[in-house]
Amino acid sequence: MATPQVAGAAALYAARHPGASAASIKAAILNSAIPTPSLNGKVTSNGRLNVSGF
């Protein structure tokens, strides 16, 4: 059920960084994730969404 949250994070990033490509938005979201051991191997980022990280 994380899809709405990730879509919102992508919209926030795009608003702060006009002209950002889809690839750079994805990279920013994945790189700003907060590492969470219980999510290792379960999600692509191995962590939780962190919109304040970008």
Protein backbone atom coordinates (compact mmCIF):
# COMPACT_ATOMS: atom_id res chain seq x y z
CA MET A 1 0.00 0.00 0.00
CA ALA A 2 3.01 2.29 -0.34
CA THR A 3 2.14 3.38 -3.87
CA PRO A 4 0.26 6.58 -2.88
CA GLN A 5 3.06 7.65 -0.56
CA VAL A 6 5.77 7.08 -3.15
CA ALA A 7 3.72 8.88 -5.81
CA GLY A 8 3.38 11.82 -3.42
CA ALA A 9 7.11 11.79 -2.72
CA ALA A 10 7.81 11.82 -6.46
CA ALA A 11 5.47 14.79 -6.90
CA LEU A 12 7.18 16.67 -4.06
CA TYR A 13 10.60 16.01 -5.54
CA ALA A 14 9.45 17.08 -9.00
CA ALA A 15 8.00 20.29 -7.57
CA ARG A 16 11.29 21.13 -5.84
CA HIS A 17 13.41 20.11 -8.84
CA PRO A 18 11.66 21.26 -12.02
CA GLY A 19 12.91 19.45 -15.08
CA ALA A 20 14.13 16.41 -13.14
CA SER A 21 13.98 13.21 -15.14
CA ALA A 22 12.05 10.16 -14.00
CA ALA A 23 15.36 8.36 -13.44
CA SER A 24 16.73 11.13 -11.20
CA ILE A 25 13.49 11.23 -9.18
CA LYS A 26 13.63 7.46 -8.68
CA ALA A 27 17.29 7.63 -7.66
CA ALA A 28 16.62 10.43 -5.17
CA ILE A 29 13.77 8.49 -3.57
CA LEU A 30 15.77 5.27 -3.32
CA ASN A 31 18.93 7.00 -2.06
CA SER A 32 17.10 8.91 0.66
CA ALA A 33 15.49 5.80 2.20
CA ILE A 34 16.09 5.21 5.90
CA PRO A 35 17.74 1.78 6.26
CA THR A 36 15.41 -0.60 8.10
CA PRO A 37 16.76 -4.09 8.87
CA SER A 38 13.31 -5.70 8.89
CA LEU A 39 12.83 -4.62 5.27
CA ASN A 40 16.08 -6.09 3.92
CA GLY A 41 15.28 -8.18 0.87
CA LYS A 42 11.60 -7.24 0.99
CA VAL A 43 11.70 -3.87 -0.74
CA THR A 44 13.99 -2.37 -3.38
CA SER A 45 15.44 0.29 -1.10
CA ASN A 46 15.84 -1.95 1.98
CA GLY A 47 14.37 0.92 3.95
CA ARG A 48 11.55 3.35 4.65
CA LEU A 49 10.53 6.34 2.58
CA ASN A 50 12.15 9.58 3.73
CA VAL A 51 10.86 12.67 1.98
CA SER A 52 12.90 15.01 4.16
CA GLY A 53 16.06 13.40 2.76
CA PHE A 54 15.80 15.13 -0.59
